[in-house]
Amino acid sequence: MQLIQILTPDFCYPDERGLLVQICRGGYSQINAVFSKKGAVRGNMHYHKHTREAFFILSGRVRVTAERGAEKEERVFGTGDMFGVGPYVKHTFEYLEDTYLTVLYTSPVDGPDGVRDIYTD
């Protein structure tokens, strides 16, 4: 089973002016914009129990490592790539270039009760 799911934006519309990409039409309740410098590491093998995440690379390159139990997967993503990780999939990002990306969450990481859906155990 794939730990890192390759996703496709809803549509891409290129023309002489540039490119319009619709990342999603619904299904997500939190969206973050992230900038990370080359050499930075984020995530540190954390996971979520409830939240699914989708990532869209606006520019740059990142190596993603994912684990669940004995399964391990590593991929490199670059500008225009879209991928996702589900609940209980530990993940870490190593930025190979200065990178801008968006992260979409199916539910907020900070719950209404103050409990964060972020785990490292």
N, C-alpha and C. Protein backbone atom coordinates (compact mmCIF):
# COMPACT_ATOMS: atom_id res chain seq x y z
N MET A 1 0.85 -1.19 0.00
CA MET A 1 0.00 0.00 0.00
C MET A 1 0.89 1.25 0.00
N GLN A 2 0.52 2.23 -0.79
CA GLN A 2 1.28 3.48 -0.84
C GLN A 2 1.05 4.30 0.41
N LEU A 3 2.13 4.80 0.99
CA LEU A 3 2.02 5.70 2.13
C LEU A 3 1.84 7.13 1.67
N ILE A 4 2.50 7.47 0.56
CA ILE A 4 2.39 8.80 -0.03
C ILE A 4 1.54 8.67 -1.28
N GLN A 5 0.40 9.32 -1.29
CA GLN A 5 -0.53 9.24 -2.43
C GLN A 5 -0.26 10.37 -3.40
N ILE A 6 -0.11 10.03 -4.68
CA ILE A 6 0.04 11.05 -5.71
C ILE A 6 -1.34 11.61 -6.00
N LEU A 7 -1.50 12.92 -5.91
CA LEU A 7 -2.78 13.58 -6.14
C LEU A 7 -2.70 14.44 -7.39
N THR A 8 -3.85 14.79 -7.92
CA THR A 8 -3.94 15.64 -9.10
C THR A 8 -4.84 16.82 -8.79
N PRO A 9 -4.41 18.04 -9.10
CA PRO A 9 -5.29 19.19 -8.90
C PRO A 9 -6.59 18.99 -9.68
N ASP A 10 -7.66 19.67 -9.25
CA ASP A 10 -8.95 19.55 -9.93
C ASP A 10 -8.84 19.93 -11.40
N PHE A 11 -8.10 21.01 -11.70
CA PHE A 11 -7.82 21.33 -13.10
C PHE A 11 -6.63 22.28 -13.18
N CYS A 12 -5.98 22.28 -14.35
CA CYS A 12 -4.90 23.21 -14.67
C CYS A 12 -5.28 23.92 -15.95
N TYR A 13 -5.16 25.24 -15.95
CA TYR A 13 -5.51 26.02 -17.13
C TYR A 13 -4.33 26.89 -17.53
N PRO A 14 -3.48 26.37 -18.45
CA PRO A 14 -2.37 27.19 -18.92
C PRO A 14 -2.79 28.02 -20.13
N ASP A 15 -2.30 29.23 -20.21
CA ASP A 15 -2.47 30.05 -21.42
C ASP A 15 -1.29 31.00 -21.52
N GLU A 16 -1.36 31.95 -22.44
CA GLU A 16 -0.23 32.85 -22.67
C GLU A 16 0.09 33.72 -21.46
N ARG A 17 -0.83 33.86 -20.52
CA ARG A 17 -0.60 34.69 -19.32
C ARG A 17 0.13 33.93 -18.23
N GLY A 18 0.06 32.58 -18.27
CA GLY A 18 0.66 31.77 -17.21
C GLY A 18 -0.16 30.53 -16.95
N LEU A 19 -0.38 30.22 -15.68
CA LEU A 19 -1.04 28.98 -15.29
C LEU A 19 -1.98 29.23 -14.11
N LEU A 20 -3.19 28.71 -14.21
CA LEU A 20 -4.16 28.72 -13.11
C LEU A 20 -4.37 27.27 -12.70
N VAL A 21 -4.15 26.97 -11.42
CA VAL A 21 -4.32 25.61 -10.91
C VAL A 21 -5.36 25.66 -9.80
N GLN A 22 -6.41 24.86 -9.96
CA GLN A 22 -7.40 24.71 -8.89
C GLN A 22 -7.00 23.50 -8.07
N ILE A 23 -6.53 23.75 -6.87
CA ILE A 23 -6.02 22.67 -6.02
C ILE A 23 -7.16 21.85 -5.44
N CYS A 24 -8.25 22.50 -5.03
CA CYS A 24 -9.41 21.76 -4.53
C CYS A 24 -10.64 22.64 -4.58
N ARG A 25 -11.80 21.98 -4.54
CA ARG A 25 -13.08 22.67 -4.48
C ARG A 25 -13.77 22.51 -3.14
N GLY A 26 -13.32 21.58 -2.35
CA GLY A 26 -13.95 21.33 -1.06
C GLY A 26 -13.25 20.19 -0.36
N GLY A 27 -13.72 19.88 0.84
CA GLY A 27 -13.19 18.75 1.57
C GLY A 27 -12.07 19.08 2.54
N TYR A 28 -11.64 20.34 2.57
CA TYR A 28 -10.57 20.73 3.48
C TYR A 28 -11.04 21.89 4.34
N SER A 29 -10.57 21.94 5.60
CA SER A 29 -11.03 23.00 6.49
C SER A 29 -9.90 23.86 7.03
N GLN A 30 -8.65 23.52 6.71
CA GLN A 30 -7.52 24.35 7.12
C GLN A 30 -6.53 24.34 5.97
N ILE A 31 -5.99 25.50 5.65
CA ILE A 31 -4.98 25.62 4.60
C ILE A 31 -3.82 26.44 5.15
N ASN A 32 -2.61 25.92 5.01
CA ASN A 32 -1.41 26.63 5.44
C ASN A 32 -0.51 26.88 4.23
N ALA A 33 0.19 28.00 4.25
CA ALA A 33 1.24 28.29 3.27
C ALA A 33 2.56 28.13 4.01
N VAL A 34 3.52 27.46 3.39
CA VAL A 34 4.79 27.18 4.04
C VAL A 34 5.93 27.63 3.13
N PHE A 35 6.91 28.30 3.71
CA PHE A 35 8.18 28.56 3.03
C PHE A 35 9.26 27.92 3.87
N SER A 36 10.11 27.12 3.25
CA SER A 36 11.23 26.50 3.95
C SER A 36 12.50 26.70 3.15
N LYS A 37 13.57 27.00 3.85
CA LYS A 37 14.87 27.21 3.20
C LYS A 37 15.54 25.87 2.90
N LYS A 38 16.37 25.88 1.87
CA LYS A 38 17.15 24.71 1.50
C LYS A 38 17.89 24.18 2.73
N GLY A 39 17.81 22.87 2.94
CA GLY A 39 18.48 22.23 4.07
C GLY A 39 17.62 22.10 5.31
N ALA A 40 16.49 22.82 5.36
CA ALA A 40 15.60 22.73 6.52
C ALA A 40 14.91 21.37 6.55
N VAL A 41 14.56 20.94 7.76
CA VAL A 41 13.80 19.70 7.96
C VAL A 41 12.58 20.06 8.78
N ARG A 42 11.43 19.59 8.33
CA ARG A 42 10.17 19.81 9.06
C ARG A 42 9.43 18.48 9.19
N GLY A 43 8.61 18.39 10.19
CA GLY A 43 7.77 17.22 10.38
C GLY A 43 8.31 16.26 11.41
N ASN A 44 9.60 15.91 11.29
CA ASN A 44 10.25 15.06 12.28
C ASN A 44 9.45 13.81 12.63
N MET A 45 8.96 13.15 11.58
CA MET A 45 8.20 11.90 11.70
C MET A 45 6.97 12.02 12.62
N HIS A 46 6.25 13.11 12.48
CA HIS A 46 4.99 13.25 13.20
C HIS A 46 3.86 12.63 12.36
N TYR A 47 2.72 12.43 13.00
CA TYR A 47 1.55 11.91 12.29
C TYR A 47 0.29 12.51 12.91
N HIS A 48 -0.81 12.29 12.23
CA HIS A 48 -2.11 12.74 12.70
C HIS A 48 -3.02 11.53 12.83
N LYS A 49 -3.86 11.51 13.84
CA LYS A 49 -4.80 10.39 14.01
C LYS A 49 -6.06 10.58 13.19
N HIS A 50 -6.45 11.84 12.92
CA HIS A 50 -7.72 12.10 12.25
C HIS A 50 -7.56 12.82 10.91
N THR A 51 -6.54 13.61 10.78
CA THR A 51 -6.40 14.52 9.65
C THR A 51 -5.70 13.88 8.46
N ARG A 52 -6.26 14.12 7.26
CA ARG A 52 -5.57 13.82 6.00
C ARG A 52 -4.97 15.13 5.52
N GLU A 53 -3.77 15.06 4.94
CA GLU A 53 -3.10 16.25 4.42
C GLU A 53 -2.86 16.11 2.93
N ALA A 54 -3.01 17.21 2.22
CA ALA A 54 -2.66 17.28 0.80
C ALA A 54 -1.66 18.43 0.66
N PHE A 55 -0.62 18.20 -0.13
CA PHE A 55 0.45 19.17 -0.32
C PHE A 55 0.55 19.52 -1.79
N PHE A 56 0.72 20.81 -2.10
CA PHE A 56 0.93 21.27 -3.47
C PHE A 56 2.19 22.11 -3.47
N ILE A 57 3.20 21.71 -4.26
CA ILE A 57 4.48 22.42 -4.30
C ILE A 57 4.36 23.58 -5.29
N LEU A 58 4.41 24.80 -4.78
CA LEU A 58 4.36 25.98 -5.62
C LEU A 58 5.69 26.21 -6.33
N SER A 59 6.80 26.03 -5.61
CA SER A 59 8.13 26.11 -6.21
C SER A 59 9.11 25.42 -5.28
N GLY A 60 10.15 24.85 -5.87
CA GLY A 60 11.19 24.20 -5.08
C GLY A 60 11.14 22.69 -5.18
N ARG A 61 11.91 22.04 -4.28
CA ARG A 61 11.97 20.58 -4.23
C ARG A 61 12.10 20.13 -2.79
N VAL A 62 11.43 19.00 -2.49
CA VAL A 62 11.43 18.46 -1.14
C VAL A 62 11.49 16.93 -1.20
N ARG A 63 12.26 16.34 -0.27
CA ARG A 63 12.27 14.89 -0.11
C ARG A 63 11.33 14.56 1.04
N VAL A 64 10.37 13.69 0.77
CA VAL A 64 9.38 13.29 1.78
C VAL A 64 9.65 11.84 2.16
N THR A 65 9.79 11.61 3.46
CA THR A 65 9.93 10.26 3.98
C THR A 65 8.68 9.96 4.80
N ALA A 66 8.07 8.80 4.54
CA ALA A 66 6.85 8.40 5.23
C ALA A 66 7.01 6.98 5.77
N GLU A 67 6.43 6.74 6.94
CA GLU A 67 6.49 5.42 7.56
C GLU A 67 5.16 5.11 8.23
N ARG A 68 4.82 3.83 8.20
CA ARG A 68 3.68 3.31 8.99
C ARG A 68 4.05 1.88 9.33
N GLY A 69 4.30 1.62 10.60
CA GLY A 69 4.76 0.30 11.01
C GLY A 69 6.08 -0.03 10.32
N ALA A 70 6.15 -1.18 9.67
CA ALA A 70 7.37 -1.60 8.97
C ALA A 70 7.48 -1.02 7.57
N GLU A 71 6.42 -0.39 7.08
CA GLU A 71 6.43 0.19 5.73
C GLU A 71 7.18 1.52 5.74
N LYS A 72 7.98 1.74 4.70
CA LYS A 72 8.69 3.02 4.57
C LYS A 72 8.71 3.40 3.10
N GLU A 73 8.53 4.69 2.83
CA GLU A 73 8.54 5.20 1.46
C GLU A 73 9.23 6.55 1.45
N GLU A 74 9.99 6.80 0.39
CA GLU A 74 10.67 8.08 0.23
C GLU A 74 10.50 8.54 -1.21
N ARG A 75 10.14 9.81 -1.39
CA ARG A 75 9.95 10.39 -2.72
C ARG A 75 10.44 11.82 -2.73
N VAL A 76 10.82 12.28 -3.92
CA VAL A 76 11.20 13.68 -4.11
C VAL A 76 10.12 14.32 -4.97
N PHE A 77 9.63 15.48 -4.52
CA PHE A 77 8.60 16.23 -5.23
C PHE A 77 9.14 17.61 -5.58
N GLY A 78 8.66 18.15 -6.71
CA GLY A 78 9.08 19.47 -7.15
C GLY A 78 7.90 20.32 -7.58
N THR A 79 8.21 21.47 -8.11
CA THR A 79 7.21 22.45 -8.53
C THR A 79 6.08 21.80 -9.32
N GLY A 80 4.84 22.06 -8.88
CA GLY A 80 3.66 21.56 -9.56
C GLY A 80 3.20 20.19 -9.10
N ASP A 81 3.97 19.50 -8.27
CA ASP A 81 3.56 18.19 -7.78
C ASP A 81 2.55 18.34 -6.64
N MET A 82 1.67 17.35 -6.55
CA MET A 82 0.66 17.32 -5.49
C MET A 82 0.62 15.90 -4.93
N PHE A 83 0.59 15.79 -3.61
CA PHE A 83 0.59 14.48 -2.97
C PHE A 83 -0.10 14.58 -1.62
N GLY A 84 -0.41 13.44 -1.02
CA GLY A 84 -1.10 13.44 0.25
C GLY A 84 -0.61 12.34 1.16
N VAL A 85 -0.85 12.52 2.45
CA VAL A 85 -0.61 11.49 3.45
C VAL A 85 -1.85 11.40 4.33
N GLY A 86 -2.16 10.17 4.73
CA GLY A 86 -3.34 9.93 5.54
C GLY A 86 -3.02 9.80 7.01
N PRO A 87 -4.06 9.53 7.80
CA PRO A 87 -3.87 9.35 9.23
C PRO A 87 -2.89 8.21 9.53
N TYR A 88 -2.17 8.36 10.62
CA TYR A 88 -1.21 7.37 11.13
C TYR A 88 -0.01 7.14 10.22
N VAL A 89 0.22 8.01 9.25
CA VAL A 89 1.42 7.93 8.42
C VAL A 89 2.40 8.98 8.94
N LYS A 90 3.51 8.52 9.53
CA LYS A 90 4.54 9.43 10.02
C LYS A 90 5.25 10.03 8.81
N HIS A 91 5.57 11.32 8.87
CA HIS A 91 6.19 11.97 7.74
C HIS A 91 7.16 13.07 8.16
N THR A 92 8.22 13.20 7.32
CA THR A 92 9.26 14.20 7.49
C THR A 92 9.57 14.80 6.13
N PHE A 93 9.87 16.10 6.10
CA PHE A 93 10.21 16.81 4.88
C PHE A 93 11.62 17.36 4.99
N GLU A 94 12.46 17.04 4.01
CA GLU A 94 13.80 17.60 3.90
C GLU A 94 13.82 18.47 2.65
N TYR A 95 14.05 19.76 2.82
CA TYR A 95 13.96 20.70 1.71
C TYR A 95 15.27 20.75 0.94
N LEU A 96 15.21 20.35 -0.34
CA LEU A 96 16.38 20.27 -1.20
C LEU A 96 16.68 21.60 -1.87
N GLU A 97 15.71 22.49 -1.90
CA GLU A 97 15.83 23.85 -2.43
C GLU A 97 14.95 24.74 -1.57
N ASP A 98 15.13 26.05 -1.65
CA ASP A 98 14.14 26.95 -1.05
C ASP A 98 12.80 26.57 -1.67
N THR A 99 11.78 26.36 -0.83
CA THR A 99 10.52 25.78 -1.30
C THR A 99 9.32 26.51 -0.72
N TYR A 100 8.35 26.78 -1.58
CA TYR A 100 7.03 27.28 -1.17
C TYR A 100 6.03 26.17 -1.46
N LEU A 101 5.16 25.89 -0.48
CA LEU A 101 4.11 24.90 -0.70
C LEU A 101 2.86 25.26 0.08
N THR A 102 1.76 24.66 -0.30
CA THR A 102 0.52 24.80 0.45
C THR A 102 0.18 23.44 1.05
N VAL A 103 -0.43 23.48 2.23
CA VAL A 103 -0.86 22.27 2.91
C VAL A 103 -2.35 22.41 3.20
N LEU A 104 -3.13 21.41 2.80
CA LEU A 104 -4.57 21.41 3.04
C LEU A 104 -4.88 20.28 4.02
N TYR A 105 -5.70 20.57 5.02
CA TYR A 105 -6.03 19.61 6.06
C TYR A 105 -7.54 19.34 6.04
N THR A 106 -7.92 18.06 6.18
CA THR A 106 -9.35 17.72 6.20
C THR A 106 -10.03 18.18 7.47
N SER A 107 -9.26 18.38 8.54
CA SER A 107 -9.79 18.94 9.78
C SER A 107 -8.68 19.75 10.43
N PRO A 108 -9.04 20.76 11.20
CA PRO A 108 -8.01 21.58 11.82
C PRO A 108 -7.12 20.75 12.74
N VAL A 109 -5.85 21.06 12.75
CA VAL A 109 -4.89 20.36 13.60
C VAL A 109 -5.15 20.69 15.07
N ASP A 110 -5.52 21.93 15.34
CA ASP A 110 -5.88 22.32 16.71
C ASP A 110 -7.39 22.16 16.87
N GLY A 111 -7.79 21.17 17.66
CA GLY A 111 -9.21 20.89 17.85
C GLY A 111 -9.91 21.92 18.70
N PRO A 112 -11.24 21.97 18.65
CA PRO A 112 -12.00 22.94 19.44
C PRO A 112 -11.82 22.75 20.94
N ASP A 113 -11.41 21.54 21.35
CA ASP A 113 -11.18 21.25 22.77
C ASP A 113 -9.74 21.57 23.19
N GLY A 114 -8.92 22.11 22.22
CA GLY A 114 -7.55 22.46 22.53
C GLY A 114 -6.55 21.32 22.31
N VAL A 115 -7.05 20.14 21.99
CA VAL A 115 -6.17 18.99 21.75
C VAL A 115 -5.64 19.06 20.32
N ARG A 116 -4.33 18.94 20.17
CA ARG A 116 -3.69 18.99 18.85
C ARG A 116 -3.61 17.59 18.25
N ASP A 117 -3.97 17.47 17.00
CA ASP A 117 -3.89 16.19 16.29
C ASP A 117 -2.49 16.05 15.66
N ILE A 118 -1.47 16.13 16.52
CA ILE A 118 -0.08 15.96 16.09
C ILE A 118 0.59 15.06 17.12
N TYR A 119 1.17 13.95 16.64
CA TYR A 119 1.76 12.95 17.52
C TYR A 119 3.14 12.54 17.01
N THR A 120 4.02 12.19 17.94
CA THR A 120 5.37 11.76 17.56
C THR A 120 5.76 10.43 18.21
N ASP A 121 4.86 9.81 18.95
CA ASP A 121 5.22 8.56 19.66
C ASP A 121 5.40 7.40 18.73
